[in-house]
C-alpha atoms as a PDB file:
ATOM      1  CA  MET A   1    -149.481 113.750-114.975  1.00  0.00           C
ATOM      2  CA  LYS A   2    -151.882 115.606-113.538  1.00  0.00           C
ATOM      3  CA  THR A   3    -151.493 113.717-110.517  1.00  0.00           C
ATOM      4  CA  ARG A   4    -147.877 114.256-110.783  1.00  0.00           C
ATOM      5  CA  ILE A   5    -148.662 117.841-110.496  1.00  0.00           C
ATOM      6  CA  ILE A   6    -151.062 118.004-107.775  1.00  0.00           C
ATOM      7  CA  THR A   7    -148.916 115.375-105.661  1.00  0.00           C
ATOM      8  CA  GLY A   8    -145.855 117.456-106.435  1.00  0.00           C
ATOM      9  CA  ILE A   9    -147.464 120.723-105.067  1.00  0.00           C
ATOM     10  CA  VAL A  10    -149.190 119.426-102.135  1.00  0.00           C
ATOM     11  CA  GLY A  11    -145.918 117.657-101.012  1.00  0.00           C
ATOM     12  CA  ALA A  12    -143.509 120.690-101.657  1.00  0.00           C
ATOM     13  CA  ALA A  13    -146.043 123.097 -99.487  1.00  0.00           C
ATOM     14  CA  GLY A  14    -146.123 120.188 -96.590  1.00  0.00           C
ATOM     15  CA  PHE A  15    -142.466 119.985 -96.815  1.00  0.00           C
ATOM     16  CA  LEU A  16    -141.497 123.470 -97.026  1.00  0.00           C
ATOM     17  CA  LEU A  17    -143.686 124.480 -94.565  1.00  0.00           C
ATOM     18  CA  LEU A  18    -142.230 121.941 -92.090  1.00  0.00           C
ATOM     19  CA  LEU A  19    -138.798 122.746 -93.031  1.00  0.00           C
ATOM     20  CA  TYR A  20    -139.678 126.420 -91.954  1.00  0.00           C
ATOM     21  CA  LEU A  21    -141.029 125.423 -88.932  1.00  0.00           C
ATOM     22  CA  GLY A  22    -137.905 123.365 -88.022  1.00  0.00           C
ATOM     23  CA  SER A  23    -137.471 121.772 -84.152  1.00  0.00           C
ATOM     24  CA  VAL A  24    -139.756 119.283 -83.250  1.00  0.00           C
ATOM     25  CA  TRP A  25    -141.973 119.482 -86.558  1.00  0.00           C
ATOM     26  CA  TYR A  26    -139.111 119.085 -89.185  1.00  0.00           C
ATOM     27  CA  THR A  27    -137.394 116.486 -87.048  1.00  0.00           C
ATOM     28  CA  ALA A  28    -141.009 114.681 -87.128  1.00  0.00           C
ATOM     29  CA  LEU A  29    -141.205 114.588 -90.578  1.00  0.00           C
ATOM     30  CA  VAL A  30    -137.521 113.451 -91.375  1.00  0.00           C
ATOM     31  CA  PHE A  31    -138.263 110.260 -88.721  1.00  0.00           C
ATOM     32  CA  PHE A  32    -141.432 109.725 -90.909  1.00  0.00           C
ATOM     33  CA  LEU A  33    -139.610 109.672 -94.170  1.00  0.00           C
ATOM     34  CA  ALA A  34    -136.973 107.467 -92.880  1.00  0.00           C
ATOM     35  CA  THR A  35    -138.995 105.002 -91.723  1.00  0.00           C
ATOM     36  CA  LEU A  36    -141.125 105.136 -95.272  1.00  0.00           C
ATOM     37  CA  ALA A  37    -137.711 104.961 -96.826  1.00  0.00           C
ATOM     38  CA  TYR A  38    -136.903 101.649 -94.555  1.00  0.00           C
ATOM     39  CA  PHE A  39    -139.737 100.050 -95.489  1.00  0.00           C
ATOM     40  CA  GLU A  40    -139.542 100.209 -98.998  1.00  0.00           C
ATOM     41  CA  LEU A  41    -136.251  99.498 -99.006  1.00  0.00           C
ATOM     42  CA  MET A  42    -137.055  96.555 -97.113  1.00  0.00           C
ATOM     43  CA  ARG A  43    -140.340  95.297 -99.201  1.00  0.00           C
ATOM     44  CA  MET A  44    -137.781  95.561-102.358  1.00  0.00           C
ATOM     45  CA  LYS A  45    -136.313  92.586-101.243  1.00  0.00           C
ATOM     46  CA  GLN A  46    -139.413  90.562 -99.903  1.00  0.00           C
ATOM     47  CA  ILE A  47    -138.476  91.373 -96.010  1.00  0.00           C
ATOM     48  CA  ALA A  48    -141.478  91.551 -94.094  1.00  0.00           C
ATOM     49  CA  ILE A  49    -140.956  94.583 -91.470  1.00  0.00           C
ATOM     50  CA  THR A  50    -142.838  91.900 -89.018  1.00  0.00           C
ATOM     51  CA  ASP A  51    -139.931  89.800 -89.247  1.00  0.00           C
ATOM     52  CA  VAL A  52    -137.155  90.010 -86.182  1.00  0.00           C
ATOM     53  CA  HIS A  53    -134.549  91.150 -88.269  1.00  0.00           C
ATOM     54  CA  GLY A  54    -136.720  93.747 -89.970  1.00  0.00           C
ATOM     55  CA  ILE A  55    -138.077  94.951 -86.819  1.00  0.00           C
ATOM     56  CA  MET A  56    -134.673  94.967 -85.565  1.00  0.00           C
ATOM     57  CA  GLY A  57    -133.324  97.019 -88.588  1.00  0.00           C
ATOM     58  CA  LEU A  58    -136.162  99.543 -88.092  1.00  0.00           C
ATOM     59  CA  PHE A  59    -134.769 100.030 -84.399  1.00  0.00           C
ATOM     60  CA  PHE A  60    -131.396 100.693 -85.529  1.00  0.00           C
ATOM     61  CA  THR A  61    -132.546 103.260 -88.047  1.00  0.00           C
ATOM     62  CA  TRP A  62    -134.438 104.983 -85.684  1.00  0.00           C
ATOM     63  CA  LEU A  63    -131.679 105.219 -83.360  1.00  0.00           C
ATOM     64  CA  ILE A  64    -129.184 106.282 -86.308  1.00  0.00           C
ATOM     65  CA  VAL A  65    -131.700 109.294 -87.498  1.00  0.00           C
ATOM     66  CA  LEU A  66    -132.222 110.568 -84.498  1.00  0.00           C
ATOM     67  CA  PRO A  67    -129.849 112.934 -82.978  1.00  0.00           C
ATOM     68  CA  GLY A  68    -128.467 111.553 -79.516  1.00  0.00           C
ATOM     69  CA  TRP A  69    -126.997 108.718 -77.378  1.00  0.00           C
ATOM     70  CA  MET A  70    -125.921 106.677 -80.695  1.00  0.00           C
ATOM     71  CA  TRP A  71    -123.497 109.740 -81.813  1.00  0.00           C
ATOM     72  CA  ASN A  72    -120.015 110.574 -80.530  1.00  0.00           C
ATOM     73  CA  GLY A  73    -119.676 113.943 -82.141  1.00  0.00           C
ATOM     74  CA  ASP A  74    -120.398 113.618 -85.951  1.00  0.00           C
ATOM     75  CA  LEU A  75    -119.689 109.707 -85.903  1.00  0.00           C
ATOM     76  CA  LEU A  76    -122.003 106.822 -84.968  1.00  0.00           C
ATOM     77  CA  ARG A  77    -120.897 104.933 -82.103  1.00  0.00           C
ATOM     78  CA  THR A  78    -118.592 101.856 -83.019  1.00  0.00           C
ATOM     79  CA  ASP A  79    -119.623 100.149 -79.901  1.00  0.00           C
ATOM     80  CA  TYR A  80    -123.257 100.273 -80.221  1.00  0.00           C
ATOM     81  CA  LEU A  81    -122.999  99.398 -84.232  1.00  0.00           C
ATOM     82  CA  PHE A  82    -120.892  96.703 -83.377  1.00  0.00           C
ATOM     83  CA  LEU A  83    -123.691  95.298 -80.835  1.00  0.00           C
ATOM     84  CA  PHE A  84    -126.024  95.640 -83.731  1.00  0.00           C
ATOM     85  CA  VAL A  85    -123.968  93.428 -86.051  1.00  0.00           C
ATOM     86  CA  LEU A  86    -123.545  90.382 -83.666  1.00  0.00           C
ATOM     87  CA  LEU A  87    -127.092  90.439 -82.643  1.00  0.00           C
ATOM     88  CA  LEU A  88    -128.002  90.287 -86.770  1.00  0.00           C
ATOM     89  CA  LEU A  89    -125.212  87.497 -87.334  1.00  0.00           C
ATOM     90  CA  PHE A  90    -126.604  85.373 -84.116  1.00  0.00           C
ATOM     91  CA  LEU A  91    -129.972  85.830 -85.574  1.00  0.00           C
ATOM     92  CA  THR A  92    -128.679  83.361 -88.448  1.00  0.00           C
ATOM     93  CA  VAL A  93    -127.735  81.019 -86.050  1.00  0.00           C
ATOM     94  CA  ALA A  94    -131.020  81.413 -83.364  1.00  0.00           C
ATOM     95  CA  SER A  95    -133.161  81.197 -86.966  1.00  0.00           C
ATOM     96  CA  LYS A  96    -131.058  77.857 -87.783  1.00  0.00           C
ATOM     97  CA  ASN A  97    -130.522  79.707 -91.513  1.00  0.00           C
ATOM     98  CA  ARG A  98    -134.043  80.423 -91.726  1.00  0.00           C
ATOM     99  CA  ILE A  99    -132.741  84.040 -91.552  1.00  0.00           C
ATOM    100  CA  GLU A 100    -129.384  83.690 -93.791  1.00  0.00           C
ATOM    101  CA  TYR A 101    -126.497  85.725 -94.021  1.00  0.00           C
ATOM    102  CA  PRO A 102    -127.890  87.774 -97.230  1.00  0.00           C
ATOM    103  CA  ASP A 103    -130.738  89.372 -95.687  1.00  0.00           C
ATOM    104  CA  VAL A 104    -128.830  90.574 -92.369  1.00  0.00           C
ATOM    105  CA  ALA A 105    -126.476  92.090 -94.313  1.00  0.00           C
ATOM    106  CA  TYR A 106    -129.008  93.459 -96.409  1.00  0.00           C
ATOM    107  CA  VAL A 107    -130.622  94.805 -93.252  1.00  0.00           C
ATOM    108  CA  LEU A 108    -127.759  96.468 -92.148  1.00  0.00           C
ATOM    109  CA  LEU A 109    -126.895  98.002 -95.171  1.00  0.00           C
ATOM    110  CA  GLY A 110    -130.002  99.534 -95.169  1.00  0.00           C
ATOM    111  CA  CYS A 111    -130.045 100.870 -91.789  1.00  0.00           C
ATOM    112  CA  LEU A 112    -126.970 102.744 -92.523  1.00  0.00           C
ATOM    113  CA  TYR A 113    -127.893 104.293 -96.167  1.00  0.00           C
ATOM    114  CA  VAL A 114    -131.003 105.242 -94.729  1.00  0.00           C
ATOM    115  CA  GLY A 115    -130.308 106.356 -91.430  1.00  0.00           C
ATOM    116  CA  PHE A 116    -127.368 108.257 -92.105  1.00  0.00           C
ATOM    117  CA  GLY A 117    -129.306 109.927 -94.869  1.00  0.00           C
ATOM    118  CA  PHE A 118    -132.160 111.354 -93.180  1.00  0.00           C
ATOM    119  CA  HIS A 119    -130.056 111.763 -89.697  1.00  0.00           C
ATOM    120  CA  TYR A 120    -127.851 114.520 -91.896  1.00  0.00           C
ATOM    121  CA  ILE A 121    -131.164 115.927 -93.554  1.00  0.00           C
ATOM    122  CA  ASN A 122    -132.158 116.728 -89.898  1.00  0.00           C
ATOM    123  CA  VAL A 123    -129.119 117.942 -88.364  1.00  0.00           C
ATOM    124  CA  THR A 124    -128.139 120.367 -91.229  1.00  0.00           C
ATOM    125  CA  ARG A 125    -131.827 122.405 -90.363  1.00  0.00           C
ATOM    126  CA  ILE A 126    -131.004 121.841 -86.846  1.00  0.00           C
ATOM    127  CA  GLU A 127    -126.762 122.962 -87.084  1.00  0.00           C
ATOM    128  CA  ASN A 128    -126.608 125.123 -90.266  1.00  0.00           C
ATOM    129  CA  GLY A 129    -130.637 126.458 -90.228  1.00  0.00           C
ATOM    130  CA  LEU A 130    -133.227 126.758 -92.647  1.00  0.00           C
ATOM    131  CA  ALA A 131    -131.096 129.233 -95.771  1.00  0.00           C
ATOM    132  CA  VAL A 132    -128.408 126.809 -95.897  1.00  0.00           C
ATOM    133  CA  THR A 133    -130.621 123.666 -96.054  1.00  0.00           C
ATOM    134  CA  LEU A 134    -132.940 125.517 -98.424  1.00  0.00           C
ATOM    135  CA  ALA A 135    -129.728 126.362-100.779  1.00  0.00           C
ATOM    136  CA  VAL A 136    -128.699 122.556-100.469  1.00  0.00           C
ATOM    137  CA  LEU A 137    -132.220 121.246-101.694  1.00  0.00           C
ATOM    138  CA  PHE A 138    -132.846 123.912-104.153  1.00  0.00           C
ATOM    139  CA  SER A 139    -129.379 122.795-105.740  1.00  0.00           C
ATOM    140  CA  ILE A 140    -130.284 119.009-105.869  1.00  0.00           C
ATOM    141  CA  TRP A 141    -133.424 119.914-107.456  1.00  0.00           C
ATOM    142  CA  ALA A 142    -131.775 122.137-109.904  1.00  0.00           C
ATOM    143  CA  THR A 143    -129.597 119.109-110.326  1.00  0.00           C
ATOM    144  CA  ASP A 144    -132.552 117.232-111.398  1.00  0.00           C
ATOM    145  CA  SER A 145    -133.830 120.011-113.666  1.00  0.00           C
ATOM    146  CA  GLY A 146    -130.587 120.916-115.537  1.00  0.00           C
ATOM    147  CA  ALA A 147    -129.815 117.376-116.072  1.00  0.00           C
ATOM    148  CA  TYR A 148    -133.546 116.275-117.476  1.00  0.00           C
ATOM    149  CA  PHE A 149    -133.999 119.330-119.855  1.00  0.00           C
ATOM    150  CA  VAL A 150    -130.327 119.538-120.985  1.00  0.00           C
ATOM    151  CA  GLY A 151    -130.162 115.674-121.424  1.00  0.00           C
ATOM    152  CA  LYS A 152    -133.540 116.123-123.718  1.00  0.00           C
ATOM    153  CA  ALA A 153    -132.367 119.075-125.591  1.00  0.00           C
ATOM    154  CA  VAL A 154    -128.930 117.768-126.138  1.00  0.00           C
ATOM    155  CA  GLY A 155    -127.958 114.709-124.682  1.00  0.00           C
ATOM    156  CA  LYS A 156    -126.420 111.967-127.019  1.00  0.00           C
ATOM    157  CA  THR A 157    -123.856 110.198-125.073  1.00  0.00           C
ATOM    158  CA  LYS A 158    -125.006 107.587-122.520  1.00  0.00           C
ATOM    159  CA  LEU A 159    -123.878 108.471-118.953  1.00  0.00           C
ATOM    160  CA  TRP A 160    -124.261 104.665-117.500  1.00  0.00           C
ATOM    161  CA  PRO A 161    -126.590 102.660-119.484  1.00  0.00           C
ATOM    162  CA  ALA A 162    -126.666  99.558-117.560  1.00  0.00           C
ATOM    163  CA  ILE A 163    -127.749 101.372-114.477  1.00  0.00           C
ATOM    164  CA  SER A 164    -130.139 104.139-116.156  1.00  0.00           C
ATOM    165  CA  PRO A 165    -130.360 104.070-119.639  1.00  0.00           C
ATOM    166  CA  ASN A 166    -131.922 107.558-120.138  1.00  0.00           C
ATOM    167  CA  LYS A 167    -129.341 109.425-118.616  1.00  0.00           C
ATOM    168  CA  THR A 168    -126.750 111.370-120.324  1.00  0.00           C
ATOM    169  CA  VAL A 169    -123.204 113.087-119.763  1.00  0.00           C
ATOM    170  CA  GLU A 170    -124.541 115.964-121.300  1.00  0.00           C
ATOM    171  CA  GLY A 171    -127.754 116.483-118.821  1.00  0.00           C
ATOM    172  CA  SER A 172    -125.280 115.145-116.311  1.00  0.00           C
ATOM    173  CA  MET A 173    -122.865 118.223-116.855  1.00  0.00           C
ATOM    174  CA  GLY A 174    -126.314 120.555-117.025  1.00  0.00           C
ATOM    175  CA  GLY A 175    -127.184 119.620-113.877  1.00  0.00           C
ATOM    176  CA  ILE A 176    -123.786 120.531-112.596  1.00  0.00           C
ATOM    177  CA  VAL A 177    -123.703 123.858-113.908  1.00  0.00           C
ATOM    178  CA  LEU A 178    -127.937 124.591-112.704  1.00  0.00           C
ATOM    179  CA  ALA A 179    -126.576 123.731-109.470  1.00  0.00           C
ATOM    180  CA  MET A 180    -123.635 125.620-109.414  1.00  0.00           C
ATOM    181  CA  LEU A 181    -125.833 128.308-110.520  1.00  0.00           C
ATOM    182  CA  VAL A 182    -128.287 128.260-107.815  1.00  0.00           C
ATOM    183  CA  MET A 183    -125.325 127.654-105.501  1.00  0.00           C
ATOM    184  CA  VAL A 184    -124.355 131.362-106.668  1.00  0.00           C
ATOM    185  CA  LEU A 185    -127.683 133.041-106.214  1.00  0.00           C
ATOM    186  CA  PHE A 186    -127.732 132.112-102.491  1.00  0.00           C
ATOM    187  CA  ALA A 187    -124.100 133.302-102.257  1.00  0.00           C
ATOM    188  CA  VAL A 188    -125.173 136.737-103.532  1.00  0.00           C
ATOM    189  CA  GLY A 189    -128.084 136.372-100.759  1.00  0.00           C
ATOM    190  CA  GLY A 190    -125.407 136.429 -97.808  1.00  0.00           C
ATOM    191  CA  VAL A 191    -126.100 132.568 -97.043  1.00  0.00           C
ATOM    192  CA  VAL A 192    -122.641 131.220 -98.538  1.00  0.00           C
ATOM    193  CA  THR A 193    -119.427 132.768 -99.809  1.00  0.00           C
ATOM    194  CA  LEU A 194    -118.730 132.508-103.262  1.00  0.00           C
ATOM    195  CA  MET A 195    -116.120 129.901-102.885  1.00  0.00           C
ATOM    196  CA  GLN A 196    -118.318 127.689-101.165  1.00  0.00           C
ATOM    197  CA  ALA A 197    -120.801 128.021-103.300  1.00  0.00           C
ATOM    198  CA  LEU A 198    -118.927 126.854-106.493  1.00  0.00           C
ATOM    199  CA  LEU A 199    -117.637 123.917-104.308  1.00  0.00           C
ATOM    200  CA  MET A 200    -121.016 123.208-102.816  1.00  0.00           C
ATOM    201  CA  GLY A 201    -122.966 123.321-105.865  1.00  0.00           C
ATOM    202  CA  GLY A 202    -120.354 121.036-107.625  1.00  0.00           C
ATOM    203  CA  VAL A 203    -120.377 118.681-104.621  1.00  0.00           C
ATOM    204  CA  ILE A 204    -124.118 118.522-104.185  1.00  0.00           C
ATOM    205  CA  ALA A 205    -124.468 118.082-108.287  1.00  0.00           C
ATOM    206  CA  ILE A 206    -122.038 115.020-108.474  1.00  0.00           C
ATOM    207  CA  SER A 207    -122.704 113.378-104.942  1.00  0.00           C
ATOM    208  CA  GLY A 208    -126.415 114.042-106.046  1.00  0.00           C
ATOM    209  CA  GLN A 209    -126.362 112.235-109.267  1.00  0.00           C
ATOM    210  CA  ILE A 210    -124.400 109.238-107.787  1.00  0.00           C
ATOM    211  CA  GLY A 211    -127.057 108.821-105.149  1.00  0.00           C
ATOM    212  CA  ASP A 212    -130.081 108.568-108.000  1.00  0.00           C
ATOM    213  CA  LEU A 213    -127.711 105.945-109.607  1.00  0.00           C
ATOM    214  CA  ILE A 214    -127.205 104.208-106.215  1.00  0.00           C
ATOM    215  CA  GLU A 215    -131.204 103.908-106.084  1.00  0.00           C
ATOM    216  CA  SER A 216    -131.396 102.742-109.797  1.00  0.00           C
ATOM    217  CA  ALA A 217    -128.986 100.122-109.148  1.00  0.00           C
ATOM    218  CA  VAL A 218    -130.751  98.567-106.143  1.00  0.00           C
ATOM    219  CA  LYS A 219    -134.050  98.782-108.132  1.00  0.00           C
ATOM    220  CA  ARG A 220    -132.907  97.504-110.959  1.00  0.00           C
ATOM    221  CA  THR A 221    -131.315  94.491-108.744  1.00  0.00           C
ATOM    222  CA  PHE A 222    -134.589  93.465-107.708  1.00  0.00           C
ATOM    223  CA  ASN A 223    -136.611  94.582-111.013  1.00  0.00           C
ATOM    224  CA  VAL A 224    -139.018  97.017-109.612  1.00  0.00           C
ATOM    225  CA  LYS A 225    -139.938 100.412-111.467  1.00  0.00           C
ATOM    226  CA  ASP A 226    -140.153 102.389-108.215  1.00  0.00           C
ATOM    227  CA  SER A 227    -139.385 101.813-104.620  1.00  0.00           C
ATOM    228  CA  GLY A 228    -142.993 102.499-103.814  1.00  0.00           C
ATOM    229  CA  THR A 229    -146.220 103.942-104.167  1.00  0.00           C
ATOM    230  CA  PHE A 230    -146.464 106.738-101.150  1.00  0.00           C
ATOM    231  CA  LEU A 231    -146.431 109.716-103.675  1.00  0.00           C
ATOM    232  CA  PRO A 232    -148.752 109.055-106.403  1.00  0.00           C
ATOM    233  CA  GLY A 233    -147.007 110.314-110.053  1.00  0.00           C
ATOM    234  CA  HIS A 234    -144.098 110.385-108.246  1.00  0.00           C
ATOM    235  CA  GLY A 235    -143.165 106.658-106.545  1.00  0.00           C
ATOM    236  CA  GLY A 236    -142.016 106.281-103.336  1.00  0.00           C
ATOM    237  CA  VAL A 237    -140.005 107.864-100.647  1.00  0.00           C
ATOM    238  CA  LEU A 238    -136.529 106.846-101.959  1.00  0.00           C
ATOM    239  CA  ASP A 239    -137.150 107.890-105.451  1.00  0.00           C
ATOM    240  CA  ARG A 240    -137.680 111.420-104.183  1.00  0.00           C
ATOM    241  CA  CYS A 241    -135.196 111.190-101.487  1.00  0.00           C
ATOM    242  CA  ASP A 242    -132.286 109.363-103.536  1.00  0.00           C
ATOM    243  CA  SER A 243    -130.195 112.348-104.065  1.00  0.00           C
ATOM    244  CA  TRP A 244    -130.747 113.843-100.635  1.00  0.00           C
ATOM    245  CA  ILE A 245    -129.390 110.994 -98.303  1.00  0.00           C
ATOM    246  CA  ILE A 246    -126.337 110.870-100.502  1.00  0.00           C
ATOM    247  CA  VAL A 247    -125.625 114.828-100.706  1.00  0.00           C
ATOM    248  CA  PHE A 248    -126.137 115.788 -97.347  1.00  0.00           C
ATOM    249  CA  PRO A 249    -123.807 113.192 -95.272  1.00  0.00           C
ATOM    250  CA  VAL A 250    -121.138 113.721 -98.406  1.00  0.00           C
ATOM    251  CA  LEU A 251    -121.109 117.510 -97.349  1.00  0.00           C
ATOM    252  CA  HIS A 252    -120.887 116.750 -93.534  1.00  0.00           C
ATOM    253  CA  VAL A 253    -117.927 114.334 -94.120  1.00  0.00           C
ATOM    254  CA  LEU A 254    -116.298 116.919 -96.526  1.00  0.00           C
ATOM    255  CA  HIS A 255    -117.008 119.858 -93.858  1.00  0.00           C
ATOM    256  CA  LEU A 256    -118.788 121.878 -96.450  1.00  0.00           C
ATOM    257  CA  LEU A 257    -121.460 123.049 -93.829  1.00  0.00           C
END
């Protein structure tokens, strides 16, 4: 527990400082976290980062994360995406099936999963500013806290036992309510309107919990407890950011930011 607390304090302080600084500092942090998340995802399936498809996937993830020529407005350019898919499929032929279809499919999905998530984490800070980014993050953390403490106190009905046996429906509802309350506080501060706060709080809480369940399903598939060990006492980057990489893209897709 001591290690977990120390890691949490130091990690949160460093993250919030770079978030406050913004610009290249925050972009570099997001880029770094995306890289670690990609490593963790590949390691779970035992795909070495030195493998050809592992290297290709890493570079493609980087291109998705960083705002630039890979993007056509808010959308990833389909011509570049098709080219990458074609190259991955060709690897199965060139390697004489040493690199199999499930492996390249996993790499492609991993690139999109990590890439889109961290791209929008970065874009939110660039386009919407510090206050809005903090509002989203605090609502995500409120969801986690509400779900945990309410679930511990009164949770009885299992939410999705096949994927995450400890989560309860009561805890999930508690997370939604607390997330909405946090967003209302930001509305009082003038960051968003009250209607936006209620809508965003609900979307953040629901999509955040879905993100948590998605990562739990991936870990259960590969029979691992944590995605990594980068954060002592907390697991890996994916363990900490599983909600983020779903919430931020969802908010943009729904034009709530």
